[in-house]
Amino acid sequence: MNAEILYLISFFAALLFSYAATPLCRYAAIKLNIMDNPVTEVKTHKKSTPYLGGIAIAAGWAVSLFIIRFATHFPDGTLRSLRGVLYGSAIVMALGFIDDKKYKGLGFKLKFLIQIAAAAIVVFGFDIRINFIQVYWISCAVSIFWIVGVTNAFNIIDIMDGLSSGIAFIASLAFLFISLPTEMLYVNFCAIALAGAILGFMPFNLSKSKKIFMGDTGSLFIGFILASLAMGTSFTTVSEIGLFAPILILAAPLYETFLVSALRLSKGKSPFLGSKDHYALRLEKMGFSRKQILLITYAVCVIFALCAYLLTAISAVYSLLIFSFVLMFLWAASIKLATVNIDS
């Protein structure tokens, strides 16, 4: 069976299983009272909404990989890497589930410790890490920081229906297309399965009558997987500037994290406490509808993903020009967004 057929099987298996599992997860969340209740001013929704959409995403992803495992012969290295991502993501998914189930959530210190432990399993146990850093312990430390940072970035940006999931869908496909020539099978199949699982969940997340949130269960899970995939393939076959490609692919959640943290710190607030400093809510204050905000975000993410691909395919000079343009765009956007009064 050729690779193209296997990728299609992986994508549609994840999509169909996630699509079928999401209503079941919604039903279970309602029965178990695992609900996101709008009891604080930070919440942007008006009605209590069931969590657990993240379980459907994770199940679709895992089932797809299980099917593909027996449809093809994976090299031992690929299977080992798949197990590493599976173990680490299962830990952060369980962490998210517990956080969703608790009324007030877990403390950020405990959540960080568990995320660091999950990242350490991937880095030390399965040697999935940033390889261009030659000193081993520095490579491991930076890799753990990267995984924890990206994991939480997707959690932070998950404040509007379709936002975090749509960004993750685009990022998954970006990692797949960039990784295809390198034949890093675990990256390719993890990415295509995650894209399918997310797409199966999104219609319910955007639905008015059958709405469900992915919760921390889902946002931490997809962030962890994408952070791990970013370290699993090569971006520097043409120039070293290609190392910045994962940053462009994940620019939206990373930008959101830096923006929110900077704005909170400027007001003397802890960056770990919730607030309405998110760029999406600022765009809403500027008069954009939620549909427009999603479309703008998706378009920017696609453009950044194309820029990331170019970074891996063109010379260093042109790559620097592209990366500089992206930085200037984000800087200009930050200046504009910072002027929006979210308290009015």
C-alpha atoms as a PDB file:
ATOM      1  CA  MET A   1       0.000   0.000   0.000  1.00  0.00           C
ATOM      2  CA  ASN A   2       1.544   3.319  -1.055  1.00  0.00           C
ATOM      3  CA  ALA A   3       2.160   6.207   1.317  1.00  0.00           C
ATOM      4  CA  GLU A   4      -0.547   8.493  -0.118  1.00  0.00           C
ATOM      5  CA  ILE A   5      -3.256   5.907   0.589  1.00  0.00           C
ATOM      6  CA  LEU A   6      -1.951   5.388   4.127  1.00  0.00           C
ATOM      7  CA  TYR A   7      -2.026   9.121   4.833  1.00  0.00           C
ATOM      8  CA  LEU A   8      -5.613   9.326   3.588  1.00  0.00           C
ATOM      9  CA  ILE A   9      -6.603   6.337   5.729  1.00  0.00           C
ATOM     10  CA  SER A  10      -4.953   7.922   8.751  1.00  0.00           C
ATOM     11  CA  PHE A  11      -6.665  11.280   8.171  1.00  0.00           C
ATOM     12  CA  PHE A  12     -10.175   9.938   7.596  1.00  0.00           C
ATOM     13  CA  ALA A  13      -9.963   7.317  10.340  1.00  0.00           C
ATOM     14  CA  ALA A  14      -9.102  10.062  12.837  1.00  0.00           C
ATOM     15  CA  LEU A  15     -11.762  12.409  11.432  1.00  0.00           C
ATOM     16  CA  LEU A  16     -14.579   9.841  11.465  1.00  0.00           C
ATOM     17  CA  PHE A  17     -13.753   8.445  14.897  1.00  0.00           C
ATOM     18  CA  SER A  18     -13.438  11.919  16.411  1.00  0.00           C
ATOM     19  CA  TYR A  19     -16.697  13.004  14.743  1.00  0.00           C
ATOM     20  CA  ALA A  20     -18.493   9.948  16.148  1.00  0.00           C
ATOM     21  CA  ALA A  21     -16.924  10.230  19.601  1.00  0.00           C
ATOM     22  CA  THR A  22     -17.542  13.947  20.171  1.00  0.00           C
ATOM     23  CA  PRO A  23     -21.329  13.657  20.783  1.00  0.00           C
ATOM     24  CA  LEU A  24     -20.652  10.770  23.166  1.00  0.00           C
ATOM     25  CA  CYS A  25     -18.123  12.881  25.051  1.00  0.00           C
ATOM     26  CA  ARG A  26     -20.641  15.722  25.169  1.00  0.00           C
ATOM     27  CA  TYR A  27     -23.284  13.389  26.605  1.00  0.00           C
ATOM     28  CA  ALA A  28     -20.828  12.035  29.198  1.00  0.00           C
ATOM     29  CA  ALA A  29     -19.738  15.548  30.204  1.00  0.00           C
ATOM     30  CA  ILE A  30     -23.342  16.602  30.797  1.00  0.00           C
ATOM     31  CA  LYS A  31     -24.107  13.459  32.809  1.00  0.00           C
ATOM     32  CA  LEU A  32     -20.930  13.795  34.890  1.00  0.00           C
ATOM     33  CA  ASN A  33     -21.407  17.585  35.216  1.00  0.00           C
ATOM     34  CA  ILE A  34     -18.035  18.352  33.649  1.00  0.00           C
ATOM     35  CA  MET A  35     -19.096  21.767  32.481  1.00  0.00           C
ATOM     36  CA  ASP A  36     -17.506  25.127  31.815  1.00  0.00           C
ATOM     37  CA  ASN A  37     -19.709  27.435  33.851  1.00  0.00           C
ATOM     38  CA  PRO A  38     -19.423  31.202  33.121  1.00  0.00           C
ATOM     39  CA  VAL A  39     -19.029  32.120  36.776  1.00  0.00           C
ATOM     40  CA  THR A  40     -16.173  34.631  36.403  1.00  0.00           C
ATOM     41  CA  GLU A  41     -15.832  37.767  34.300  1.00  0.00           C
ATOM     42  CA  VAL A  42     -12.938  36.185  32.399  1.00  0.00           C
ATOM     43  CA  LYS A  43     -15.332  33.711  30.748  1.00  0.00           C
ATOM     44  CA  THR A  44     -16.572  34.859  27.335  1.00  0.00           C
ATOM     45  CA  HIS A  45     -19.487  32.436  26.878  1.00  0.00           C
ATOM     46  CA  LYS A  46     -22.943  32.918  28.399  1.00  0.00           C
ATOM     47  CA  LYS A  47     -24.193  29.349  28.939  1.00  0.00           C
ATOM     48  CA  SER A  48     -22.739  26.373  30.777  1.00  0.00           C
ATOM     49  CA  THR A  49     -21.019  24.249  28.124  1.00  0.00           C
ATOM     50  CA  PRO A  50     -19.777  20.655  28.377  1.00  0.00           C
ATOM     51  CA  TYR A  51     -16.064  19.940  28.253  1.00  0.00           C
ATOM     52  CA  LEU A  52     -14.366  16.686  27.127  1.00  0.00           C
ATOM     53  CA  GLY A  53     -14.101  17.429  23.410  1.00  0.00           C
ATOM     54  CA  GLY A  54     -10.377  16.911  23.907  1.00  0.00           C
ATOM     55  CA  ILE A  55     -11.010  13.240  24.726  1.00  0.00           C
ATOM     56  CA  ALA A  56     -12.656  12.776  21.312  1.00  0.00           C
ATOM     57  CA  ILE A  57      -9.689  14.442  19.593  1.00  0.00           C
ATOM     58  CA  ALA A  58      -7.203  12.269  21.483  1.00  0.00           C
ATOM     59  CA  ALA A  59      -9.214   9.112  20.804  1.00  0.00           C
ATOM     60  CA  GLY A  60      -9.453   9.843  17.080  1.00  0.00           C
ATOM     61  CA  TRP A  61      -5.712  10.505  16.923  1.00  0.00           C
ATOM     62  CA  ALA A  62      -4.794   7.351  18.843  1.00  0.00           C
ATOM     63  CA  VAL A  63      -7.195   5.065  16.945  1.00  0.00           C
ATOM     64  CA  SER A  64      -5.871   6.335  13.624  1.00  0.00           C
ATOM     65  CA  LEU A  65      -2.281   5.592  14.598  1.00  0.00           C
ATOM     66  CA  PHE A  66      -3.311   2.161  15.920  1.00  0.00           C
ATOM     67  CA  ILE A  67      -4.908   1.315  12.562  1.00  0.00           C
ATOM     68  CA  ILE A  68      -1.890   2.537  10.604  1.00  0.00           C
ATOM     69  CA  ARG A  69       0.434   0.595  12.896  1.00  0.00           C
ATOM     70  CA  PHE A  70      -0.995  -2.656  11.531  1.00  0.00           C
ATOM     71  CA  ALA A  71      -1.392  -1.428   7.951  1.00  0.00           C
ATOM     72  CA  THR A  72       2.281  -0.754   7.389  1.00  0.00           C
ATOM     73  CA  HIS A  73       5.698  -1.723   8.703  1.00  0.00           C
ATOM     74  CA  PHE A  74       7.125   1.061  10.815  1.00  0.00           C
ATOM     75  CA  PRO A  75      10.882   1.071  11.496  1.00  0.00           C
ATOM     76  CA  ASP A  76      11.775   0.511  15.157  1.00  0.00           C
ATOM     77  CA  GLY A  77      12.840   4.150  15.525  1.00  0.00           C
ATOM     78  CA  THR A  78       9.454   5.360  14.315  1.00  0.00           C
ATOM     79  CA  LEU A  79       7.579   3.095  16.725  1.00  0.00           C
ATOM     80  CA  ARG A  80       9.796   4.231  19.585  1.00  0.00           C
ATOM     81  CA  SER A  81       9.129   7.897  18.820  1.00  0.00           C
ATOM     82  CA  LEU A  82       5.389   7.247  18.493  1.00  0.00           C
ATOM     83  CA  ARG A  83       5.365   5.636  21.924  1.00  0.00           C
ATOM     84  CA  GLY A  84       7.186   8.610  23.385  1.00  0.00           C
ATOM     85  CA  VAL A  85       4.664  11.112  22.016  1.00  0.00           C
ATOM     86  CA  LEU A  86       1.807   8.821  23.076  1.00  0.00           C
ATOM     87  CA  TYR A  87       3.027   8.495  26.680  1.00  0.00           C
ATOM     88  CA  GLY A  88       3.783  12.192  27.108  1.00  0.00           C
ATOM     89  CA  SER A  89       0.531  13.380  25.531  1.00  0.00           C
ATOM     90  CA  ALA A  90      -1.471  10.904  27.641  1.00  0.00           C
ATOM     91  CA  ILE A  91      -0.037  12.474  30.790  1.00  0.00           C
ATOM     92  CA  VAL A  92      -0.910  16.044  29.798  1.00  0.00           C
ATOM     93  CA  MET A  93      -4.354  14.888  28.603  1.00  0.00           C
ATOM     94  CA  ALA A  94      -4.999  13.350  32.020  1.00  0.00           C
ATOM     95  CA  LEU A  95      -3.759  16.558  33.636  1.00  0.00           C
ATOM     96  CA  GLY A  96      -6.176  18.577  31.509  1.00  0.00           C
ATOM     97  CA  PHE A  97      -9.060  16.223  32.345  1.00  0.00           C
ATOM     98  CA  ILE A  98      -8.458  16.607  36.065  1.00  0.00           C
ATOM     99  CA  ASP A  99      -8.202  20.378  35.668  1.00  0.00           C
ATOM    100  CA  ASP A 100     -11.460  20.470  33.692  1.00  0.00           C
ATOM    101  CA  LYS A 101     -13.220  18.293  36.272  1.00  0.00           C
ATOM    102  CA  LYS A 102     -12.176  20.409  39.256  1.00  0.00           C
ATOM    103  CA  TYR A 103     -14.398  23.430  39.868  1.00  0.00           C
ATOM    104  CA  LYS A 104     -11.515  25.829  40.478  1.00  0.00           C
ATOM    105  CA  GLY A 105      -8.890  23.966  38.504  1.00  0.00           C
ATOM    106  CA  LEU A 106      -5.403  22.946  39.586  1.00  0.00           C
ATOM    107  CA  GLY A 107      -2.755  25.424  40.695  1.00  0.00           C
ATOM    108  CA  PHE A 108      -0.385  26.555  37.935  1.00  0.00           C
ATOM    109  CA  LYS A 109       2.689  25.344  39.857  1.00  0.00           C
ATOM    110  CA  LEU A 110       1.434  21.759  40.027  1.00  0.00           C
ATOM    111  CA  LYS A 111       0.383  21.879  36.369  1.00  0.00           C
ATOM    112  CA  PHE A 112       3.844  23.066  35.356  1.00  0.00           C
ATOM    113  CA  LEU A 113       5.529  20.279  37.338  1.00  0.00           C
ATOM    114  CA  ILE A 114       3.418  17.601  35.668  1.00  0.00           C
ATOM    115  CA  GLN A 115       4.001  19.109  32.230  1.00  0.00           C
ATOM    116  CA  ILE A 116       7.748  19.205  32.856  1.00  0.00           C
ATOM    117  CA  ALA A 117       7.636  15.534  33.867  1.00  0.00           C
ATOM    118  CA  ALA A 118       5.739  14.625  30.680  1.00  0.00           C
ATOM    119  CA  ALA A 119       8.189  16.615  28.559  1.00  0.00           C
ATOM    120  CA  ALA A 120      11.133  14.962  30.329  1.00  0.00           C
ATOM    121  CA  ILE A 121       9.773  11.530  29.386  1.00  0.00           C
ATOM    122  CA  VAL A 122       9.774  12.514  25.706  1.00  0.00           C
ATOM    123  CA  VAL A 123      13.188  14.185  25.856  1.00  0.00           C
ATOM    124  CA  PHE A 124      15.176  11.830  28.098  1.00  0.00           C
ATOM    125  CA  GLY A 125      13.232   8.607  27.585  1.00  0.00           C
ATOM    126  CA  PHE A 126      12.820   8.759  23.813  1.00  0.00           C
ATOM    127  CA  ASP A 127      15.452  11.299  22.738  1.00  0.00           C
ATOM    128  CA  ILE A 128      12.978  13.595  20.982  1.00  0.00           C
ATOM    129  CA  ARG A 129      14.721  16.933  21.397  1.00  0.00           C
ATOM    130  CA  ILE A 130      16.266  19.926  19.658  1.00  0.00           C
ATOM    131  CA  ASN A 131      19.278  18.360  17.936  1.00  0.00           C
ATOM    132  CA  PHE A 132      21.002  21.458  16.548  1.00  0.00           C
ATOM    133  CA  ILE A 133      22.125  22.375  20.088  1.00  0.00           C
ATOM    134  CA  GLN A 134      25.309  20.375  20.511  1.00  0.00           C
ATOM    135  CA  VAL A 135      25.615  20.396  24.321  1.00  0.00           C
ATOM    136  CA  TYR A 136      23.363  17.577  25.514  1.00  0.00           C
ATOM    137  CA  TRP A 137      22.068  19.032  28.768  1.00  0.00           C
ATOM    138  CA  ILE A 138      21.388  22.423  27.186  1.00  0.00           C
ATOM    139  CA  SER A 139      19.552  20.693  24.333  1.00  0.00           C
ATOM    140  CA  CYS A 140      17.409  18.775  26.824  1.00  0.00           C
ATOM    141  CA  ALA A 141      16.664  21.839  28.956  1.00  0.00           C
ATOM    142  CA  VAL A 142      15.660  23.973  25.949  1.00  0.00           C
ATOM    143  CA  SER A 143      13.562  21.109  24.545  1.00  0.00           C
ATOM    144  CA  ILE A 144      11.612  20.752  27.796  1.00  0.00           C
ATOM    145  CA  PHE A 145      11.114  24.521  27.924  1.00  0.00           C
ATOM    146  CA  TRP A 146       9.861  24.455  24.326  1.00  0.00           C
ATOM    147  CA  ILE A 147       7.384  21.622  24.936  1.00  0.00           C
ATOM    148  CA  VAL A 148       5.968  23.179  28.106  1.00  0.00           C
ATOM    149  CA  GLY A 149       5.801  26.608  26.467  1.00  0.00           C
ATOM    150  CA  VAL A 150       3.946  25.467  23.344  1.00  0.00           C
ATOM    151  CA  THR A 151       1.646  23.209  25.386  1.00  0.00           C
ATOM    152  CA  ASN A 152       0.527  26.158  27.497  1.00  0.00           C
ATOM    153  CA  ALA A 153       0.382  28.517  24.516  1.00  0.00           C
ATOM    154  CA  PHE A 154      -2.429  26.446  22.991  1.00  0.00           C
ATOM    155  CA  ASN A 155      -4.181  26.457  26.349  1.00  0.00           C
ATOM    156  CA  ILE A 156      -3.893  30.245  26.606  1.00  0.00           C
ATOM    157  CA  ILE A 157      -5.239  30.897  23.103  1.00  0.00           C
ATOM    158  CA  ASP A 158      -8.240  28.600  23.603  1.00  0.00           C
ATOM    159  CA  ILE A 159     -10.678  31.394  24.472  1.00  0.00           C
ATOM    160  CA  MET A 160     -12.991  31.375  21.450  1.00  0.00           C
ATOM    161  CA  ASP A 161     -14.821  28.603  19.590  1.00  0.00           C
ATOM    162  CA  GLY A 162     -12.712  27.282  16.728  1.00  0.00           C
ATOM    163  CA  LEU A 163      -9.648  29.367  17.536  1.00  0.00           C
ATOM    164  CA  SER A 164      -7.164  26.967  19.128  1.00  0.00           C
ATOM    165  CA  SER A 165      -8.465  23.973  17.163  1.00  0.00           C
ATOM    166  CA  GLY A 166      -8.339  25.786  13.808  1.00  0.00           C
ATOM    167  CA  ILE A 167      -4.800  27.000  14.445  1.00  0.00           C
ATOM    168  CA  ALA A 168      -3.752  23.478  15.440  1.00  0.00           C
ATOM    169  CA  PHE A 169      -5.335  22.021  12.288  1.00  0.00           C
ATOM    170  CA  ILE A 170      -3.325  24.396  10.073  1.00  0.00           C
ATOM    171  CA  ALA A 171      -0.139  23.776  12.068  1.00  0.00           C
ATOM    172  CA  SER A 172      -0.565  19.994  11.781  1.00  0.00           C
ATOM    173  CA  LEU A 173      -0.810  20.179   8.001  1.00  0.00           C
ATOM    174  CA  ALA A 174       2.168  22.557   7.866  1.00  0.00           C
ATOM    175  CA  PHE A 175       4.376  20.135   9.799  1.00  0.00           C
ATOM    176  CA  LEU A 176       3.172  17.295   7.562  1.00  0.00           C
ATOM    177  CA  PHE A 177       3.987  19.034   4.270  1.00  0.00           C
ATOM    178  CA  ILE A 178       7.393  20.242   5.460  1.00  0.00           C
ATOM    179  CA  SER A 179       8.256  16.826   6.888  1.00  0.00           C
ATOM    180  CA  LEU A 180       7.120  14.732   3.888  1.00  0.00           C
ATOM    181  CA  PRO A 181      10.427  14.941   1.955  1.00  0.00           C
ATOM    182  CA  THR A 182      12.418  13.930   5.046  1.00  0.00           C
ATOM    183  CA  GLU A 183      10.377  10.716   5.479  1.00  0.00           C
ATOM    184  CA  MET A 184      10.122  11.173   9.240  1.00  0.00           C
ATOM    185  CA  LEU A 185       7.195   8.775   9.454  1.00  0.00           C
ATOM    186  CA  TYR A 186       6.238   9.402  13.064  1.00  0.00           C
ATOM    187  CA  VAL A 187       5.966  13.142  12.393  1.00  0.00           C
ATOM    188  CA  ASN A 188       3.963  12.595   9.215  1.00  0.00           C
ATOM    189  CA  PHE A 189       1.426  10.186  10.677  1.00  0.00           C
ATOM    190  CA  CYS A 190       1.098  12.030  13.993  1.00  0.00           C
ATOM    191  CA  ALA A 191       0.457  15.263  12.103  1.00  0.00           C
ATOM    192  CA  ILE A 192      -2.091  13.906   9.619  1.00  0.00           C
ATOM    193  CA  ALA A 193      -3.944  11.986  12.349  1.00  0.00           C
ATOM    194  CA  LEU A 194      -4.087  15.069  14.568  1.00  0.00           C
ATOM    195  CA  ALA A 195      -5.425  17.167  11.674  1.00  0.00           C
ATOM    196  CA  GLY A 196      -8.186  14.633  11.032  1.00  0.00           C
ATOM    197  CA  ALA A 197      -9.119  14.314  14.707  1.00  0.00           C
ATOM    198  CA  ILE A 198      -9.349  18.093  15.120  1.00  0.00           C
ATOM    199  CA  LEU A 199     -11.488  18.460  11.995  1.00  0.00           C
ATOM    200  CA  GLY A 200     -13.914  15.849  13.336  1.00  0.00           C
ATOM    201  CA  PHE A 201     -14.345  17.867  16.544  1.00  0.00           C
ATOM    202  CA  MET A 202     -14.659  21.359  15.090  1.00  0.00           C
ATOM    203  CA  PRO A 203     -18.254  21.183  13.745  1.00  0.00           C
ATOM    204  CA  PHE A 204     -19.503  20.530  17.284  1.00  0.00           C
ATOM    205  CA  ASN A 205     -17.310  23.237  18.792  1.00  0.00           C
ATOM    206  CA  LEU A 206     -18.778  25.735  16.311  1.00  0.00           C
ATOM    207  CA  SER A 207     -22.331  24.430  16.675  1.00  0.00           C
ATOM    208  CA  LYS A 208     -24.959  26.452  18.548  1.00  0.00           C
ATOM    209  CA  SER A 209     -27.190  23.542  19.559  1.00  0.00           C
ATOM    210  CA  LYS A 210     -24.615  20.778  20.172  1.00  0.00           C
ATOM    211  CA  LYS A 211     -21.690  22.862  21.399  1.00  0.00           C
ATOM    212  CA  ILE A 212     -18.801  21.298  23.274  1.00  0.00           C
ATOM    213  CA  PHE A 213     -15.421  22.672  24.336  1.00  0.00           C
ATOM    214  CA  MET A 214     -12.149  20.794  24.015  1.00  0.00           C
ATOM    215  CA  GLY A 215     -11.196  22.061  27.476  1.00  0.00           C
ATOM    216  CA  ASP A 216      -7.718  21.853  28.947  1.00  0.00           C
ATOM    217  CA  THR A 217      -7.908  18.154  28.074  1.00  0.00           C
ATOM    218  CA  GLY A 218      -7.744  19.026  24.395  1.00  0.00           C
ATOM    219  CA  SER A 219      -5.702  22.234  24.320  1.00  0.00           C
ATOM    220  CA  LEU A 220      -2.846  20.789  26.394  1.00  0.00           C
ATOM    221  CA  PHE A 221      -2.955  17.563  24.378  1.00  0.00           C
ATOM    222  CA  ILE A 222      -2.695  19.190  20.940  1.00  0.00           C
ATOM    223  CA  GLY A 223      -0.085  21.684  22.151  1.00  0.00           C
ATOM    224  CA  PHE A 224       2.092  18.872  23.514  1.00  0.00           C
ATOM    225  CA  ILE A 225       1.896  16.874  20.285  1.00  0.00           C
ATOM    226  CA  LEU A 226       2.676  19.834  18.032  1.00  0.00           C
ATOM    227  CA  ALA A 227       5.620  20.864  20.224  1.00  0.00           C
ATOM    228  CA  SER A 228       6.994  17.319  19.971  1.00  0.00           C
ATOM    229  CA  LEU A 229       6.492  17.132  16.197  1.00  0.00           C
ATOM    230  CA  ALA A 230       8.363  20.414  15.731  1.00  0.00           C
ATOM    231  CA  MET A 231      11.495  18.692  17.074  1.00  0.00           C
ATOM    232  CA  GLY A 232      11.099  15.567  14.970  1.00  0.00           C
ATOM    233  CA  THR A 233      12.036  16.713  11.482  1.00  0.00           C
ATOM    234  CA  SER A 234      14.699  18.765   9.717  1.00  0.00           C
ATOM    235  CA  PHE A 235      14.121  22.377   8.663  1.00  0.00           C
ATOM    236  CA  THR A 236      17.684  23.234   7.608  1.00  0.00           C
ATOM    237  CA  THR A 237      18.348  21.359   4.369  1.00  0.00           C
ATOM    238  CA  VAL A 238      18.935  24.683   2.544  1.00  0.00           C
ATOM    239  CA  SER A 239      19.943  27.190   5.234  1.00  0.00           C
ATOM    240  CA  GLU A 240      20.176  27.480   9.010  1.00  0.00           C
ATOM    241  CA  ILE A 241      17.397  30.109   8.986  1.00  0.00           C
ATOM    242  CA  GLY A 242      15.025  27.193   8.492  1.00  0.00           C
ATOM    243  CA  LEU A 243      15.359  26.598  12.232  1.00  0.00           C
ATOM    244  CA  PHE A 244      12.796  29.388  12.693  1.00  0.00           C
ATOM    245  CA  ALA A 245      10.164  27.529  10.649  1.00  0.00           C
ATOM    246  CA  PRO A 246       8.431  25.933  13.691  1.00  0.00           C
ATOM    247  CA  ILE A 247       8.174  29.372  15.305  1.00  0.00           C
ATOM    248  CA  LEU A 248       6.327  30.671  12.236  1.00  0.00           C
ATOM    249  CA  ILE A 249       4.041  27.622  12.102  1.00  0.00           C
ATOM    250  CA  LEU A 250       3.142  28.116  15.770  1.00  0.00           C
ATOM    251  CA  ALA A 251       3.342  31.913  15.632  1.00  0.00           C
ATOM    252  CA  ALA A 252      -0.299  32.547  16.646  1.00  0.00           C
ATOM    253  CA  PRO A 253      -0.257  30.753  20.036  1.00  0.00           C
ATOM    254  CA  LEU A 254       3.321  31.867  20.777  1.00  0.00           C
ATOM    255  CA  TYR A 255       2.461  35.478  19.923  1.00  0.00           C
ATOM    256  CA  GLU A 256      -0.679  35.273  22.067  1.00  0.00           C
ATOM    257  CA  THR A 257       1.363  34.011  25.019  1.00  0.00           C
ATOM    258  CA  PHE A 258       3.948  36.793  24.776  1.00  0.00           C
ATOM    259  CA  LEU A 259       1.300  39.472  24.207  1.00  0.00           C
ATOM    260  CA  VAL A 260      -0.892  38.383  27.116  1.00  0.00           C
ATOM    261  CA  SER A 261       2.089  37.993  29.452  1.00  0.00           C
ATOM    262  CA  ALA A 262       3.521  41.409  28.531  1.00  0.00           C
ATOM    263  CA  LEU A 263       0.196  43.200  28.919  1.00  0.00           C
ATOM    264  CA  ARG A 264      -0.541  41.551  32.256  1.00  0.00           C
ATOM    265  CA  LEU A 265       2.920  42.311  33.605  1.00  0.00           C
ATOM    266  CA  SER A 266       2.619  45.942  32.451  1.00  0.00           C
ATOM    267  CA  LYS A 267      -0.445  46.224  34.682  1.00  0.00           C
ATOM    268  CA  GLY A 268       1.294  44.577  37.627  1.00  0.00           C
ATOM    269  CA  LYS A 269      -0.729  41.375  37.219  1.00  0.00           C
ATOM    270  CA  SER A 270       0.540  37.808  37.249  1.00  0.00           C
ATOM    271  CA  PRO A 271       0.825  36.327  33.732  1.00  0.00           C
ATOM    272  CA  PHE A 272      -0.514  33.056  35.177  1.00  0.00           C
ATOM    273  CA  LEU A 273      -3.894  34.506  36.160  1.00  0.00           C
ATOM    274  CA  GLY A 274      -6.765  34.826  33.691  1.00  0.00           C
ATOM    275  CA  SER A 275      -7.759  38.120  32.103  1.00  0.00           C
ATOM    276  CA  LYS A 276      -9.272  39.461  28.881  1.00  0.00           C
ATOM    277  CA  ASP A 277      -5.945  40.584  27.399  1.00  0.00           C
ATOM    278  CA  HIS A 278      -6.199  38.111  24.501  1.00  0.00           C
ATOM    279  CA  TYR A 279      -5.731  39.429  20.980  1.00  0.00           C
ATOM    280  CA  ALA A 280      -9.003  37.835  19.814  1.00  0.00           C
ATOM    281  CA  LEU A 281     -10.999  39.684  22.474  1.00  0.00           C
ATOM    282  CA  ARG A 282      -9.237  42.924  21.567  1.00  0.00           C
ATOM    283  CA  LEU A 283     -10.190  42.419  17.925  1.00  0.00           C
ATOM    284  CA  GLU A 284     -13.752  41.852  19.087  1.00  0.00           C
ATOM    285  CA  LYS A 285     -13.640  45.172  20.961  1.00  0.00           C
ATOM    286  CA  MET A 286     -12.488  46.798  17.714  1.00  0.00           C
ATOM    287  CA  GLY A 287     -15.744  45.704  16.081  1.00  0.00           C
ATOM    288  CA  PHE A 288     -14.803  42.438  14.379  1.00  0.00           C
ATOM    289  CA  SER A 289     -17.277  39.564  14.643  1.00  0.00           C
ATOM    290  CA  ARG A 290     -16.113  36.206  15.963  1.00  0.00           C
ATOM    291  CA  LYS A 291     -16.436  34.701  12.500  1.00  0.00           C
ATOM    292  CA  GLN A 292     -14.247  37.460  11.082  1.00  0.00           C
ATOM    293  CA  ILE A 293     -11.688  36.950  13.856  1.00  0.00           C
ATOM    294  CA  LEU A 294     -11.475  33.233  13.033  1.00  0.00           C
ATOM    295  CA  LEU A 295     -11.113  33.894   9.316  1.00  0.00           C
ATOM    296  CA  ILE A 296      -8.426  36.533   9.903  1.00  0.00           C
ATOM    297  CA  THR A 297      -6.544  34.203  12.230  1.00  0.00           C
ATOM    298  CA  TYR A 298      -6.770  31.252   9.848  1.00  0.00           C
ATOM    299  CA  ALA A 299      -5.595  33.383   6.919  1.00  0.00           C
ATOM    300  CA  VAL A 300      -2.620  34.718   8.883  1.00  0.00           C
ATOM    301  CA  CYS A 301      -1.716  31.203  10.054  1.00  0.00           C
ATOM    302  CA  VAL A 302      -1.804  29.884   6.484  1.00  0.00           C
ATOM    303  CA  ILE A 303       0.411  32.759   5.313  1.00  0.00           C
ATOM    304  CA  PHE A 304       2.847  32.136   8.164  1.00  0.00           C
ATOM    305  CA  ALA A 305       2.857  28.413   7.355  1.00  0.00           C
ATOM    306  CA  LEU A 306       3.752  29.221   3.742  1.00  0.00           C
ATOM    307  CA  CYS A 307       6.501  31.519   5.010  1.00  0.00           C
ATOM    308  CA  ALA A 308       7.752  28.674   7.205  1.00  0.00           C
ATOM    309  CA  TYR A 309       7.927  26.403   4.174  1.00  0.00           C
ATOM    310  CA  LEU A 310       9.858  29.049   2.248  1.00  0.00           C
ATOM    311  CA  LEU A 311      12.345  29.292   5.106  1.00  0.00           C
ATOM    312  CA  THR A 312      13.168  25.626   4.536  1.00  0.00           C
ATOM    313  CA  ALA A 313      13.446  25.958   0.742  1.00  0.00           C
ATOM    314  CA  ILE A 314      15.186  29.253  -0.107  1.00  0.00           C
ATOM    315  CA  SER A 315      18.518  30.913   0.609  1.00  0.00           C
ATOM    316  CA  ALA A 316      19.410  32.524   3.933  1.00  0.00           C
ATOM    317  CA  VAL A 317      19.167  36.088   2.573  1.00  0.00           C
ATOM    318  CA  TYR A 318      15.579  35.725   1.374  1.00  0.00           C
ATOM    319  CA  SER A 319      14.680  33.746   4.488  1.00  0.00           C
ATOM    320  CA  LEU A 320      15.894  36.600   6.685  1.00  0.00           C
ATOM    321  CA  LEU A 321      13.779  39.043   4.694  1.00  0.00           C
ATOM    322  CA  ILE A 322      10.685  36.900   5.203  1.00  0.00           C
ATOM    323  CA  PHE A 323      11.319  36.442   8.904  1.00  0.00           C
ATOM    324  CA  SER A 324      11.965  40.171   9.334  1.00  0.00           C
ATOM    325  CA  PHE A 325       8.679  40.961   7.587  1.00  0.00           C
ATOM    326  CA  VAL A 326       6.804  38.644   9.959  1.00  0.00           C
ATOM    327  CA  LEU A 327       8.419  40.260  13.003  1.00  0.00           C
ATOM    328  CA  MET A 328       7.532  43.758  11.766  1.00  0.00           C
ATOM    329  CA  PHE A 329       3.939  42.674  11.128  1.00  0.00           C
ATOM    330  CA  LEU A 330       3.605  41.245  14.637  1.00  0.00           C
ATOM    331  CA  TRP A 331       5.211  44.326  16.164  1.00  0.00           C
ATOM    332  CA  ALA A 332       2.785  46.630  14.345  1.00  0.00           C
ATOM    333  CA  ALA A 333      -0.148  44.436  15.363  1.00  0.00           C
ATOM    334  CA  SER A 334       0.986  44.548  19.001  1.00  0.00           C
ATOM    335  CA  ILE A 335       1.142  48.341  19.018  1.00  0.00           C
ATOM    336  CA  LYS A 336      -2.383  48.544  17.593  1.00  0.00           C
ATOM    337  CA  LEU A 337      -3.857  45.882  19.886  1.00  0.00           C
ATOM    338  CA  ALA A 338      -2.282  47.410  22.998  1.00  0.00           C
ATOM    339  CA  THR A 339      -4.292  50.601  22.434  1.00  0.00           C
ATOM    340  CA  VAL A 340      -7.621  48.766  22.706  1.00  0.00           C
ATOM    341  CA  ASN A 341      -9.356  49.329  26.042  1.00  0.00           C
ATOM    342  CA  ILE A 342     -10.709  45.944  27.038  1.00  0.00           C
ATOM    343  CA  ASP A 343     -12.223  47.218  30.307  1.00  0.00           C
ATOM    344  CA  SER A 344     -14.777  49.505  28.661  1.00  0.00           C
END
